[in-house]
């Protein structure tokens, strides 16, 4: 058997990346809104909220920014129907 050093580790890394990619959770719009509103209520810290929901804080802040910008556009009447 002529295996190159590190080959089994490389294949294991590829397997783990493939599993992570397949198991990534997708959130519906309703779930995103619920999480953002919970953060805006301020009953718990954003860090605690994100830990409880299993998301990164950066993802929460991206959703929050998107949510607030969509609200501004809607109030300004800039929506295309």
Protein backbone atom coordinates (compact mmCIF):
# COMPACT_ATOMS: atom_id res chain seq x y z
CA UNK A 1 0.00 0.00 0.00
CA UNK A 2 1.55 3.23 -1.12
CA UNK A 3 -0.45 5.84 0.73
CA UNK A 4 0.71 9.37 0.80
CA UNK A 5 1.08 10.84 4.28
CA UNK A 6 -1.97 12.83 5.30
CA UNK A 7 -4.29 11.30 2.70
CA UNK A 8 -6.67 9.76 5.24
CA UNK A 9 -6.84 13.05 7.13
CA UNK A 10 -7.63 14.91 3.90
CA UNK A 11 -10.45 12.51 3.05
CA UNK A 12 -11.77 12.75 6.61
CA UNK A 13 -11.75 16.55 6.38
CA UNK A 14 -13.65 16.39 3.09
CA UNK A 15 -16.20 14.04 4.66
CA UNK A 16 -16.73 16.35 7.65
CA UNK A 17 -17.14 19.39 5.38
CA UNK A 18 -19.68 17.47 3.30
CA UNK A 19 -21.67 16.50 6.38
CA UNK A 20 -21.64 20.07 7.71
CA UNK A 21 -22.80 21.36 4.35
CA UNK A 22 -25.70 18.90 4.24
CA UNK A 23 -26.80 19.52 7.83
CA UNK A 24 -26.84 23.32 7.69
CA UNK A 25 -30.20 24.57 8.96
CA UNK A 26 -32.27 26.85 6.75
CA UNK A 27 -34.51 29.33 8.54
CA UNK A 28 -37.86 30.45 7.19
CA UNK A 29 -38.73 34.13 7.02
CA UNK A 30 -41.06 33.67 10.00
CA UNK A 31 -38.28 32.12 12.10
CA UNK A 32 -35.88 34.94 11.21
CA UNK A 33 -38.48 37.57 12.13
CA UNK A 34 -39.24 35.81 15.43
CA UNK A 35 -35.54 35.71 16.34
CA UNK A 36 -34.90 39.34 15.34
CA UNK A 37 -37.95 40.55 17.29
CA UNK A 38 -36.80 38.59 20.34
CA UNK A 39 -33.47 40.40 20.10
CA UNK A 40 -35.13 43.78 19.71
CA UNK A 41 -37.27 43.15 22.81
CA UNK A 42 -34.03 42.95 24.79
CA UNK A 43 -35.27 40.45 27.36
CA UNK A 44 -31.94 38.61 27.07
CA UNK A 45 -28.58 39.45 25.58
CA UNK A 46 -28.02 38.91 21.87
CA UNK A 47 -25.26 36.43 22.73
CA UNK A 48 -27.64 34.38 24.90
CA UNK A 49 -30.38 34.52 22.26
CA UNK A 50 -27.98 33.34 19.56
CA UNK A 51 -26.68 30.49 21.73
CA UNK A 52 -30.25 29.38 22.47
CA UNK A 53 -31.21 29.50 18.78
CA UNK A 54 -27.94 27.93 17.61
CA UNK A 55 -26.90 30.77 15.30
CA UNK A 56 -23.84 33.00 15.08
CA UNK A 57 -24.18 36.57 16.33
CA UNK A 58 -23.03 37.82 12.92
CA UNK A 59 -25.97 36.00 11.32
CA UNK A 60 -28.38 37.61 13.82
CA UNK A 61 -27.01 41.08 13.04
CA UNK A 62 -27.24 40.45 9.28
CA UNK A 63 -30.91 39.41 9.68
CA UNK A 64 -31.57 42.40 11.93
CA UNK A 65 -30.06 44.82 9.40
CA UNK A 66 -32.06 43.23 6.57
CA UNK A 67 -35.26 43.38 8.66
CA UNK A 68 -34.83 47.05 9.55
CA UNK A 69 -33.90 48.07 6.00
CA UNK A 70 -36.96 46.26 4.62
CA UNK A 71 -39.12 48.11 7.15
CA UNK A 72 -37.65 51.46 6.10
CA UNK A 73 -38.24 50.69 2.42
CA UNK A 74 -41.82 49.65 3.14
CA UNK A 75 -42.56 52.79 5.14
CA UNK A 76 -41.00 54.96 2.44
CA UNK A 77 -43.20 53.30 -0.17
CA UNK A 78 -40.28 52.03 -2.23
CA UNK A 79 -41.68 48.54 -2.69
CA UNK A 80 -42.39 47.10 -6.09
CA UNK A 81 -45.52 45.02 -6.27
